[in-house]
PDB file of N, CA and C in Angstrom:
ATOM      1  N   UNK A   1     153.838  71.228 125.766  1.00  0.00           N
ATOM      2  CA  UNK A   1     152.763  70.403 125.263  1.00  0.00           C
ATOM      3  C   UNK A   1     151.549  71.231 124.851  1.00  0.00           C
ATOM      4  N   UNK A   2     151.128  72.190 125.681  1.00  0.00           N
ATOM      5  CA  UNK A   2     149.945  72.987 125.363  1.00  0.00           C
ATOM      6  C   UNK A   2     150.304  74.433 125.012  1.00  0.00           C
ATOM      7  N   UNK A   3     151.555  74.730 124.820  1.00  0.00           N
ATOM      8  CA  UNK A   3     152.004  76.093 124.576  1.00  0.00           C
ATOM      9  C   UNK A   3     151.436  76.740 123.327  1.00  0.00           C
ATOM     10  N   UNK A   4     151.017  75.957 122.359  1.00  0.00           N
ATOM     11  CA  UNK A   4     150.494  76.543 121.120  1.00  0.00           C
ATOM     12  C   UNK A   4     149.012  76.241 120.901  1.00  0.00           C
ATOM     13  N   UNK A   5     148.359  75.668 121.893  1.00  0.00           N
ATOM     14  CA  UNK A   5     146.935  75.375 121.743  1.00  0.00           C
ATOM     15  C   UNK A   5     146.107  76.616 122.052  1.00  0.00           C
ATOM     16  N   UNK A   6     144.918  76.677 121.506  1.00  0.00           N
ATOM     17  CA  UNK A   6     143.994  77.773 121.772  1.00  0.00           C
ATOM     18  C   UNK A   6     143.042  77.338 122.881  1.00  0.00           C
ATOM     19  N   UNK A   7     143.446  77.592 124.094  1.00  0.00           N
ATOM     20  CA  UNK A   7     142.622  77.230 125.246  1.00  0.00           C
ATOM     21  C   UNK A   7     141.362  78.094 125.253  1.00  0.00           C
ATOM     22  N   UNK A   8     140.324  77.607 125.894  1.00  0.00           N
ATOM     23  CA  UNK A   8     139.094  78.371 126.030  1.00  0.00           C
ATOM     24  C   UNK A   8     138.523  78.127 127.403  1.00  0.00           C
ATOM     25  N   UNK A   9     137.732  79.077 127.853  1.00  0.00           N
ATOM     26  CA  UNK A   9     137.096  78.959 129.152  1.00  0.00           C
ATOM     27  C   UNK A   9     135.630  78.630 128.997  1.00  0.00           C
ATOM     28  N   UNK A  10     135.006  78.345 130.111  1.00  0.00           N
ATOM     29  CA  UNK A  10     133.593  78.042 130.097  1.00  0.00           C
ATOM     30  C   UNK A  10     132.989  78.223 131.470  1.00  0.00           C
ATOM     31  N   UNK A  11     131.680  78.316 131.482  1.00  0.00           N
ATOM     32  CA  UNK A  11     130.975  78.407 132.757  1.00  0.00           C
ATOM     33  C   UNK A  11     129.566  77.870 132.577  1.00  0.00           C
ATOM     34  N   UNK A  12     128.956  77.514 133.695  1.00  0.00           N
ATOM     35  CA  UNK A  12     127.611  76.947 133.653  1.00  0.00           C
ATOM     36  C   UNK A  12     126.570  78.017 133.925  1.00  0.00           C
ATOM     37  N   UNK A  13     125.362  77.744 133.443  1.00  0.00           N
ATOM     38  CA  UNK A  13     124.194  78.580 133.721  1.00  0.00           C
ATOM     39  C   UNK A  13     123.002  77.660 133.956  1.00  0.00           C
ATOM     40  N   UNK A  14     121.964  78.196 134.578  1.00  0.00           N
ATOM     41  CA  UNK A  14     120.772  77.374 134.791  1.00  0.00           C
ATOM     42  C   UNK A  14     119.720  77.600 133.718  1.00  0.00           C
ATOM     43  N   UNK A  15     119.948  78.572 132.817  1.00  0.00           N
ATOM     44  CA  UNK A  15     118.966  78.893 131.788  1.00  0.00           C
ATOM     45  C   UNK A  15     119.703  79.322 130.516  1.00  0.00           C
ATOM     46  N   UNK A  16     119.855  78.395 129.588  1.00  0.00           N
ATOM     47  CA  UNK A  16     120.586  78.663 128.345  1.00  0.00           C
ATOM     48  C   UNK A  16     119.915  79.771 127.539  1.00  0.00           C
ATOM     49  N   UNK A  17     118.596  79.776 127.462  1.00  0.00           N
ATOM     50  CA  UNK A  17     117.902  80.797 126.679  1.00  0.00           C
ATOM     51  C   UNK A  17     118.106  82.192 127.263  1.00  0.00           C
ATOM     52  N   UNK A  18     118.052  82.316 128.582  1.00  0.00           N
ATOM     53  CA  UNK A  18     118.301  83.610 129.223  1.00  0.00           C
ATOM     54  C   UNK A  18     119.745  84.045 128.983  1.00  0.00           C
ATOM     55  N   UNK A  19     120.683  83.103 129.029  1.00  0.00           N
ATOM     56  CA  UNK A  19     122.089  83.425 128.762  1.00  0.00           C
ATOM     57  C   UNK A  19     122.267  83.868 127.313  1.00  0.00           C
ATOM     58  N   UNK A  20     121.607  83.166 126.372  1.00  0.00           N
ATOM     59  CA  UNK A  20     121.695  83.543 124.964  1.00  0.00           C
ATOM     60  C   UNK A  20     121.183  84.962 124.753  1.00  0.00           C
ATOM     61  N   UNK A  21     120.065  85.271 125.371  1.00  0.00           N
ATOM     62  CA  UNK A  21     119.482  86.598 125.239  1.00  0.00           C
ATOM     63  C   UNK A  21     120.400  87.665 125.842  1.00  0.00           C
ATOM     64  N   UNK A  22     120.921  87.408 127.040  1.00  0.00           N
ATOM     65  CA  UNK A  22     121.783  88.389 127.708  1.00  0.00           C
ATOM     66  C   UNK A  22     123.067  88.627 126.924  1.00  0.00           C
ATOM     67  N   UNK A  23     123.788  87.559 126.611  1.00  0.00           N
ATOM     68  CA  UNK A  23     125.075  87.734 125.931  1.00  0.00           C
ATOM     69  C   UNK A  23     124.903  88.156 124.473  1.00  0.00           C
ATOM     70  N   UNK A  24     123.884  87.627 123.797  1.00  0.00           N
ATOM     71  CA  UNK A  24     123.673  87.949 122.394  1.00  0.00           C
ATOM     72  C   UNK A  24     122.984  89.269 122.169  1.00  0.00           C
ATOM     73  N   UNK A  25     121.863  89.495 122.869  1.00  0.00           N
ATOM     74  CA  UNK A  25     121.079  90.704 122.629  1.00  0.00           C
ATOM     75  C   UNK A  25     121.526  91.874 123.497  1.00  0.00           C
ATOM     76  N   UNK A  26     121.676  91.650 124.786  1.00  0.00           N
ATOM     77  CA  UNK A  26     122.029  92.743 125.679  1.00  0.00           C
ATOM     78  C   UNK A  26     123.468  93.199 125.477  1.00  0.00           C
ATOM     79  N   UNK A  27     124.408  92.242 125.481  1.00  0.00           N
ATOM     80  CA  UNK A  27     125.816  92.614 125.323  1.00  0.00           C
ATOM     81  C   UNK A  27     126.250  92.696 123.860  1.00  0.00           C
ATOM     82  N   UNK A  28     125.463  92.133 122.956  1.00  0.00           N
ATOM     83  CA  UNK A  28     125.780  92.235 121.537  1.00  0.00           C
ATOM     84  C   UNK A  28     126.884  91.322 121.054  1.00  0.00           C
ATOM     85  N   UNK A  29     127.105  90.222 121.755  1.00  0.00           N
ATOM     86  CA  UNK A  29     128.114  89.260 121.318  1.00  0.00           C
ATOM     87  C   UNK A  29     127.534  88.321 120.268  1.00  0.00           C
ATOM     88  N   UNK A  30     128.388  87.823 119.411  1.00  0.00           N
ATOM     89  CA  UNK A  30     127.951  86.775 118.493  1.00  0.00           C
ATOM     90  C   UNK A  30     127.882  85.484 119.300  1.00  0.00           C
ATOM     91  N   UNK A  31     126.741  84.827 119.249  1.00  0.00           N
ATOM     92  CA  UNK A  31     126.486  83.621 120.038  1.00  0.00           C
ATOM     93  C   UNK A  31     125.999  82.528 119.103  1.00  0.00           C
ATOM     94  N   UNK A  32     126.540  81.334 119.267  1.00  0.00           N
ATOM     95  CA  UNK A  32     126.016  80.190 118.519  1.00  0.00           C
ATOM     96  C   UNK A  32     125.594  79.125 119.527  1.00  0.00           C
ATOM     97  N   UNK A  33     124.719  78.240 119.072  1.00  0.00           N
ATOM     98  CA  UNK A  33     124.207  77.187 119.943  1.00  0.00           C
ATOM     99  C   UNK A  33     124.347  75.855 119.243  1.00  0.00           C
ATOM    100  N   UNK A  34     124.852  74.873 119.971  1.00  0.00           N
ATOM    101  CA  UNK A  34     124.987  73.530 119.433  1.00  0.00           C
ATOM    102  C   UNK A  34     124.932  72.537 120.585  1.00  0.00           C
ATOM    103  N   UNK A  35     124.176  71.484 120.384  1.00  0.00           N
ATOM    104  CA  UNK A  35     124.054  70.422 121.390  1.00  0.00           C
ATOM    105  C   UNK A  35     123.613  70.951 122.752  1.00  0.00           C
ATOM    106  N   UNK A  36     122.755  71.973 122.756  1.00  0.00           N
ATOM    107  CA  UNK A  36     122.238  72.500 124.012  1.00  0.00           C
ATOM    108  C   UNK A  36     123.193  73.398 124.765  1.00  0.00           C
ATOM    109  N   UNK A  37     124.317  73.756 124.139  1.00  0.00           N
ATOM    110  CA  UNK A  37     125.299  74.631 124.767  1.00  0.00           C
ATOM    111  C   UNK A  37     125.505  75.858 123.886  1.00  0.00           C
ATOM    112  N   UNK A  38     125.945  76.951 124.500  1.00  0.00           N
ATOM    113  CA  UNK A  38     126.244  78.172 123.769  1.00  0.00           C
ATOM    114  C   UNK A  38     127.745  78.326 123.611  1.00  0.00           C
ATOM    115  N   UNK A  39     128.129  78.990 122.556  1.00  0.00           N
ATOM    116  CA  UNK A  39     129.497  79.457 122.404  1.00  0.00           C
ATOM    117  C   UNK A  39     129.431  80.958 122.225  1.00  0.00           C
ATOM    118  N   UNK A  40     130.161  81.681 123.083  1.00  0.00           N
ATOM    119  CA  UNK A  40     130.288  83.121 122.950  1.00  0.00           C
ATOM    120  C   UNK A  40     131.516  83.372 122.099  1.00  0.00           C
ATOM    121  N   UNK A  41     131.333  84.035 120.985  1.00  0.00           N
ATOM    122  CA  UNK A  41     132.438  84.331 120.074  1.00  0.00           C
ATOM    123  C   UNK A  41     132.906  85.749 120.358  1.00  0.00           C
ATOM    124  N   UNK A  42     134.009  85.867 121.076  1.00  0.00           N
ATOM    125  CA  UNK A  42     134.505  87.181 121.470  1.00  0.00           C
ATOM    126  C   UNK A  42     135.729  87.542 120.638  1.00  0.00           C
ATOM    127  N   UNK A  43     136.052  88.824 120.621  1.00  0.00           N
ATOM    128  CA  UNK A  43     137.225  89.289 119.889  1.00  0.00           C
ATOM    129  C   UNK A  43     138.469  88.568 120.396  1.00  0.00           C
ATOM    130  N   UNK A  44     139.420  88.377 119.530  1.00  0.00           N
ATOM    131  CA  UNK A  44     140.652  87.714 119.912  1.00  0.00           C
ATOM    132  C   UNK A  44     140.632  86.225 119.647  1.00  0.00           C
ATOM    133  N   UNK A  45     139.557  85.749 119.017  1.00  0.00           N
ATOM    134  CA  UNK A  45     139.465  84.345 118.630  1.00  0.00           C
ATOM    135  C   UNK A  45     139.598  83.400 119.816  1.00  0.00           C
ATOM    136  N   UNK A  46     138.961  83.746 120.924  1.00  0.00           N
ATOM    137  CA  UNK A  46     138.959  82.889 122.111  1.00  0.00           C
ATOM    138  C   UNK A  46     137.521  82.676 122.551  1.00  0.00           C
ATOM    139  N   UNK A  47     136.899  81.663 122.005  1.00  0.00           N
ATOM    140  CA  UNK A  47     135.502  81.381 122.326  1.00  0.00           C
ATOM    141  C   UNK A  47     135.341  80.957 123.782  1.00  0.00           C
ATOM    142  N   UNK A  48     134.139  81.159 124.290  1.00  0.00           N
ATOM    143  CA  UNK A  48     133.800  80.788 125.656  1.00  0.00           C
ATOM    144  C   UNK A  48     132.589  79.867 125.606  1.00  0.00           C
ATOM    145  N   UNK A  49     132.684  78.731 126.252  1.00  0.00           N
ATOM    146  CA  UNK A  49     131.613  77.747 126.297  1.00  0.00           C
ATOM    147  C   UNK A  49     130.678  78.055 127.456  1.00  0.00           C
ATOM    148  N   UNK A  50     129.380  78.052 127.184  1.00  0.00           N
ATOM    149  CA  UNK A  50     128.366  78.234 128.220  1.00  0.00           C
ATOM    150  C   UNK A  50     127.492  76.987 128.192  1.00  0.00           C
ATOM    151  N   UNK A  51     127.454  76.272 129.298  1.00  0.00           N
ATOM    152  CA  UNK A  51     126.759  74.989 129.315  1.00  0.00           C
ATOM    153  C   UNK A  51     125.701  74.961 130.417  1.00  0.00           C
ATOM    154  N   UNK A  52     124.619  74.230 130.180  1.00  0.00           N
ATOM    155  CA  UNK A  52     123.555  74.153 131.186  1.00  0.00           C
ATOM    156  C   UNK A  52     123.946  73.213 132.319  1.00  0.00           C
ATOM    157  N   UNK A  53     123.515  73.574 133.494  1.00  0.00           N
ATOM    158  CA  UNK A  53     123.740  72.732 134.667  1.00  0.00           C
ATOM    159  C   UNK A  53     122.501  72.870 135.542  1.00  0.00           C
ATOM    160  N   UNK A  54     121.680  71.840 135.622  1.00  0.00           N
ATOM    161  CA  UNK A  54     120.403  71.933 136.343  1.00  0.00           C
ATOM    162  C   UNK A  54     120.538  72.394 137.793  1.00  0.00           C
ATOM    163  N   UNK A  55     121.582  71.970 138.486  1.00  0.00           N
ATOM    164  CA  UNK A  55     121.764  72.365 139.879  1.00  0.00           C
ATOM    165  C   UNK A  55     122.758  73.518 140.001  1.00  0.00           C
ATOM    166  N   UNK A  56     122.822  74.337 138.945  1.00  0.00           N
ATOM    167  CA  UNK A  56     123.751  75.464 138.876  1.00  0.00           C
ATOM    168  C   UNK A  56     123.605  76.392 140.075  1.00  0.00           C
ATOM    169  N   UNK A  57     124.715  76.763 140.633  1.00  0.00           N
ATOM    170  CA  UNK A  57     124.799  77.801 141.654  1.00  0.00           C
ATOM    171  C   UNK A  57     125.848  78.785 141.171  1.00  0.00           C
ATOM    172  N   UNK A  58     125.515  80.084 141.092  1.00  0.00           N
ATOM    173  CA  UNK A  58     126.502  81.048 140.613  1.00  0.00           C
ATOM    174  C   UNK A  58     127.783  80.980 141.439  1.00  0.00           C
ATOM    175  N   UNK A  59     128.891  81.094 140.766  1.00  0.00           N
ATOM    176  CA  UNK A  59     130.191  81.101 141.448  1.00  0.00           C
ATOM    177  C   UNK A  59     130.277  82.343 142.320  1.00  0.00           C
ATOM    178  N   UNK A  60     131.027  82.253 143.384  1.00  0.00           N
ATOM    179  CA  UNK A  60     131.172  83.404 144.271  1.00  0.00           C
ATOM    180  C   UNK A  60     132.092  84.453 143.682  1.00  0.00           C
ATOM    181  N   UNK A  61     132.927  84.067 142.724  1.00  0.00           N
ATOM    182  CA  UNK A  61     133.849  85.028 142.132  1.00  0.00           C
ATOM    183  C   UNK A  61     134.236  84.567 140.736  1.00  0.00           C
ATOM    184  N   UNK A  62     133.792  85.277 139.745  1.00  0.00           N
ATOM    185  CA  UNK A  62     134.186  85.011 138.360  1.00  0.00           C
ATOM    186  C   UNK A  62     134.422  86.341 137.657  1.00  0.00           C
ATOM    187  N   UNK A  63     135.212  86.321 136.591  1.00  0.00           N
ATOM    188  CA  UNK A  63     135.503  87.536 135.843  1.00  0.00           C
ATOM    189  C   UNK A  63     135.409  87.248 134.353  1.00  0.00           C
ATOM    190  N   UNK A  64     134.741  88.130 133.649  1.00  0.00           N
ATOM    191  CA  UNK A  64     134.742  88.137 132.196  1.00  0.00           C
ATOM    192  C   UNK A  64     134.889  89.609 131.825  1.00  0.00           C
ATOM    193  N   UNK A  65     136.100  90.006 131.453  1.00  0.00           N
ATOM    194  CA  UNK A  65     136.410  91.413 131.197  1.00  0.00           C
ATOM    195  C   UNK A  65     136.217  91.770 129.740  1.00  0.00           C
ATOM    196  N   UNK A  66     135.632  92.926 129.496  1.00  0.00           N
ATOM    197  CA  UNK A  66     135.478  93.484 128.158  1.00  0.00           C
ATOM    198  C   UNK A  66     136.083  94.887 128.158  1.00  0.00           C
ATOM    199  N   UNK A  67     137.332  95.036 127.756  1.00  0.00           N
ATOM    200  CA  UNK A  67     137.923  96.383 127.706  1.00  0.00           C
ATOM    201  C   UNK A  67     137.159  97.265 126.712  1.00  0.00           C
ATOM    202  N   UNK A  68     136.933  98.522 127.084  1.00  0.00           N
ATOM    203  CA  UNK A  68     136.244  99.484 126.214  1.00  0.00           C
ATOM    204  C   UNK A  68     137.021 100.795 126.230  1.00  0.00           C
ATOM    205  N   UNK A  69     136.879 101.562 125.162  1.00  0.00           N
ATOM    206  CA  UNK A  69     137.544 102.859 125.075  1.00  0.00           C
ATOM    207  C   UNK A  69     136.836 103.927 125.897  1.00  0.00           C
ATOM    208  N   UNK A  70     135.513 103.824 126.033  1.00  0.00           N
ATOM    209  CA  UNK A  70     134.707 104.835 126.721  1.00  0.00           C
ATOM    210  C   UNK A  70     133.864 104.147 127.787  1.00  0.00           C
ATOM    211  N   UNK A  71     134.384 104.071 129.009  1.00  0.00           N
ATOM    212  CA  UNK A  71     133.696 103.332 130.068  1.00  0.00           C
ATOM    213  C   UNK A  71     132.363 103.987 130.429  1.00  0.00           C
ATOM    214  N   UNK A  72     132.319 105.329 130.468  1.00  0.00           N
ATOM    215  CA  UNK A  72     131.066 105.997 130.807  1.00  0.00           C
ATOM    216  C   UNK A  72     129.999 105.693 129.754  1.00  0.00           C
ATOM    217  N   UNK A  73     130.382 105.746 128.486  1.00  0.00           N
ATOM    218  CA  UNK A  73     129.438 105.435 127.415  1.00  0.00           C
ATOM    219  C   UNK A  73     128.972 103.996 127.480  1.00  0.00           C
ATOM    220  N   UNK A  74     129.894 103.076 127.790  1.00  0.00           N
ATOM    221  CA  UNK A  74     129.530 101.664 127.897  1.00  0.00           C
ATOM    222  C   UNK A  74     128.574 101.435 129.061  1.00  0.00           C
ATOM    223  N   UNK A  75     128.840 102.071 130.198  1.00  0.00           N
ATOM    224  CA  UNK A  75     127.958 101.934 131.358  1.00  0.00           C
ATOM    225  C   UNK A  75     126.577 102.498 131.041  1.00  0.00           C
ATOM    226  N   UNK A  76     126.545 103.669 130.396  1.00  0.00           N
ATOM    227  CA  UNK A  76     125.258 104.267 130.036  1.00  0.00           C
ATOM    228  C   UNK A  76     124.464 103.354 129.101  1.00  0.00           C
ATOM    229  N   UNK A  77     125.129 102.816 128.076  1.00  0.00           N
ATOM    230  CA  UNK A  77     124.436 101.950 127.111  1.00  0.00           C
ATOM    231  C   UNK A  77     123.954 100.662 127.769  1.00  0.00           C
ATOM    232  N   UNK A  78     124.792 100.050 128.592  1.00  0.00           N
ATOM    233  CA  UNK A  78     124.376  98.825 129.284  1.00  0.00           C
ATOM    234  C   UNK A  78     123.216  99.108 130.240  1.00  0.00           C
ATOM    235  N   UNK A  79     123.247 100.242 130.902  1.00  0.00           N
ATOM    236  CA  UNK A  79     122.137 100.615 131.791  1.00  0.00           C
ATOM    237  C   UNK A  79     120.846 100.760 130.995  1.00  0.00           C
ATOM    238  N   UNK A  80     120.923 101.386 129.818  1.00  0.00           N
ATOM    239  CA  UNK A  80     119.734 101.517 128.960  1.00  0.00           C
ATOM    240  C   UNK A  80     119.205 100.154 128.539  1.00  0.00           C
ATOM    241  N   UNK A  81     120.099  99.182 128.455  1.00  0.00           N
ATOM    242  CA  UNK A  81     119.699  97.827 128.053  1.00  0.00           C
ATOM    243  C   UNK A  81     119.244  96.984 129.236  1.00  0.00           C
ATOM    244  N   UNK A  82     119.172  97.581 130.415  1.00  0.00           N
ATOM    245  CA  UNK A  82     118.637  96.884 131.581  1.00  0.00           C
ATOM    246  C   UNK A  82     119.653  96.201 132.470  1.00  0.00           C
ATOM    247  N   UNK A  83     120.929  96.417 132.234  1.00  0.00           N
ATOM    248  CA  UNK A  83     121.962  95.793 133.076  1.00  0.00           C
ATOM    249  C   UNK A  83     122.059  96.564 134.392  1.00  0.00           C
ATOM    250  N   UNK A  84     122.079  95.807 135.480  1.00  0.00           N
ATOM    251  CA  UNK A  84     122.284  96.381 136.809  1.00  0.00           C
ATOM    252  C   UNK A  84     123.735  96.174 137.197  1.00  0.00           C
ATOM    253  N   UNK A  85     124.374  97.207 137.695  1.00  0.00           N
ATOM    254  CA  UNK A  85     125.760  97.108 138.125  1.00  0.00           C
ATOM    255  C   UNK A  85     125.820  96.873 139.626  1.00  0.00           C
ATOM    256  N   UNK A  86     126.622  95.914 140.011  1.00  0.00           N
ATOM    257  CA  UNK A  86     126.796  95.596 141.427  1.00  0.00           C
ATOM    258  C   UNK A  86     127.710  96.639 142.061  1.00  0.00           C
ATOM    259  N   UNK A  87     127.454  96.945 143.320  1.00  0.00           N
ATOM    260  CA  UNK A  87     128.324  97.840 144.085  1.00  0.00           C
ATOM    261  C   UNK A  87     128.924  97.029 145.221  1.00  0.00           C
ATOM    262  N   UNK A  88     130.194  97.247 145.462  1.00  0.00           N
ATOM    263  CA  UNK A  88     130.897  96.529 146.515  1.00  0.00           C
ATOM    264  C   UNK A  88     131.445  97.542 147.512  1.00  0.00           C
ATOM    265  N   UNK A  89     131.208  97.279 148.786  1.00  0.00           N
ATOM    266  CA  UNK A  89     131.614  98.207 149.844  1.00  0.00           C
ATOM    267  C   UNK A  89     133.117  98.464 149.849  1.00  0.00           C
ATOM    268  N   UNK A  90     133.913  97.473 149.491  1.00  0.00           N
ATOM    269  CA  UNK A  90     135.368  97.616 149.567  1.00  0.00           C
ATOM    270  C   UNK A  90     135.971  98.310 148.340  1.00  0.00           C
ATOM    271  N   UNK A  91     135.155  98.666 147.336  1.00  0.00           N
ATOM    272  CA  UNK A  91     135.645  99.361 146.148  1.00  0.00           C
ATOM    273  C   UNK A  91     135.016 100.743 146.066  1.00  0.00           C
ATOM    274  N   UNK A  92     135.846 101.733 145.812  1.00  0.00           N
ATOM    275  CA  UNK A  92     135.347 103.099 145.666  1.00  0.00           C
ATOM    276  C   UNK A  92     134.663 103.233 144.309  1.00  0.00           C
ATOM    277  N   UNK A  93     133.452 103.790 144.314  1.00  0.00           N
ATOM    278  CA  UNK A  93     132.694 103.967 143.073  1.00  0.00           C
ATOM    279  C   UNK A  93     131.987 105.310 143.108  1.00  0.00           C
ATOM    280  N   UNK A  94     131.723 105.851 141.917  1.00  0.00           N
ATOM    281  CA  UNK A  94     130.951 107.086 141.865  1.00  0.00           C
ATOM    282  C   UNK A  94     129.463 106.752 141.912  1.00  0.00           C
ATOM    283  N   UNK A  95     128.609 107.756 141.741  1.00  0.00           N
ATOM    284  CA  UNK A  95     127.165 107.567 141.856  1.00  0.00           C
ATOM    285  C   UNK A  95     126.604 106.613 140.807  1.00  0.00           C
ATOM    286  N   UNK A  96     127.315 106.413 139.702  1.00  0.00           N
ATOM    287  CA  UNK A  96     126.835 105.542 138.634  1.00  0.00           C
ATOM    288  C   UNK A  96     127.494 104.162 138.716  1.00  0.00           C
ATOM    289  N   UNK A  97     128.107 103.855 139.834  1.00  0.00           N
ATOM    290  CA  UNK A  97     128.771 102.566 140.068  1.00  0.00           C
ATOM    291  C   UNK A  97     130.033 102.395 139.235  1.00  0.00           C
ATOM    292  N   UNK A  98     130.647 103.500 138.806  1.00  0.00           N
ATOM    293  CA  UNK A  98     131.922 103.384 138.107  1.00  0.00           C
ATOM    294  C   UNK A  98     133.006 103.103 139.133  1.00  0.00           C
ATOM    295  N   UNK A  99     133.790 102.117 138.867  1.00  0.00           N
ATOM    296  CA  UNK A  99     134.889 101.763 139.740  1.00  0.00           C
ATOM    297  C   UNK A  99     135.946 101.097 138.890  1.00  0.00           C
ATOM    298  N   UNK A 100     137.095 100.874 139.454  1.00  0.00           N
ATOM    299  CA  UNK A 100     138.176 100.258 138.684  1.00  0.00           C
ATOM    300  C   UNK A 100     137.886  98.813 138.333  1.00  0.00           C
ATOM    301  N   UNK A 101     137.138  98.142 139.159  1.00  0.00           N
ATOM    302  CA  UNK A 101     136.745  96.770 138.900  1.00  0.00           C
ATOM    303  C   UNK A 101     135.235  96.736 138.865  1.00  0.00           C
ATOM    304  N   UNK A 102     134.665  96.283 137.753  1.00  0.00           N
ATOM    305  CA  UNK A 102     133.228  96.312 137.589  1.00  0.00           C
ATOM    306  C   UNK A 102     132.685  94.895 137.468  1.00  0.00           C
ATOM    307  N   UNK A 103     131.445  94.741 137.869  1.00  0.00           N
ATOM    308  CA  UNK A 103     130.766  93.460 137.746  1.00  0.00           C
ATOM    309  C   UNK A 103     129.402  93.710 137.162  1.00  0.00           C
ATOM    310  N   UNK A 104     129.020  92.905 136.202  1.00  0.00           N
ATOM    311  CA  UNK A 104     127.724  93.034 135.567  1.00  0.00           C
ATOM    312  C   UNK A 104     126.851  91.871 136.011  1.00  0.00           C
ATOM    313  N   UNK A 105     125.604  92.174 136.357  1.00  0.00           N
ATOM    314  CA  UNK A 105     124.663  91.157 136.783  1.00  0.00           C
ATOM    315  C   UNK A 105     123.494  91.144 135.824  1.00  0.00           C
ATOM    316  N   UNK A 106     123.274  90.003 135.180  1.00  0.00           N
ATOM    317  CA  UNK A 106     122.161  89.919 134.217  1.00  0.00           C
ATOM    318  C   UNK A 106     120.831  89.702 134.897  1.00  0.00           C
ATOM    319  N   UNK A 107     120.847  89.501 136.190  1.00  0.00           N
ATOM    320  CA  UNK A 107     119.825  89.258 137.062  1.00  0.00           C
ATOM    321  C   UNK A 107     118.453  89.369 136.996  1.00  0.00           C
TER     322      UNK A 107
END
């Protein structure tokens, strides 16, 4: 029934404008806005819906992966753009928070 549909994901935020700025300006994604919601247009033709939720509480575990060819260069550029990388005690990381599983906090 749904084997040929283009499914998409979504998540809530408490500040649409801050999300637009982070995903559009900081991460450099193409972002559109309609009816008070954002659409993140990512490679692979799989848009992501970002919707406002007044009583939003960040999820305890979510993933949005962006594969890159040069992880050190990507980390350096994101750091220059003000992104803080989370460190987790159970994951081995170098001094720049490089690890096999990374999390970005727009915080």
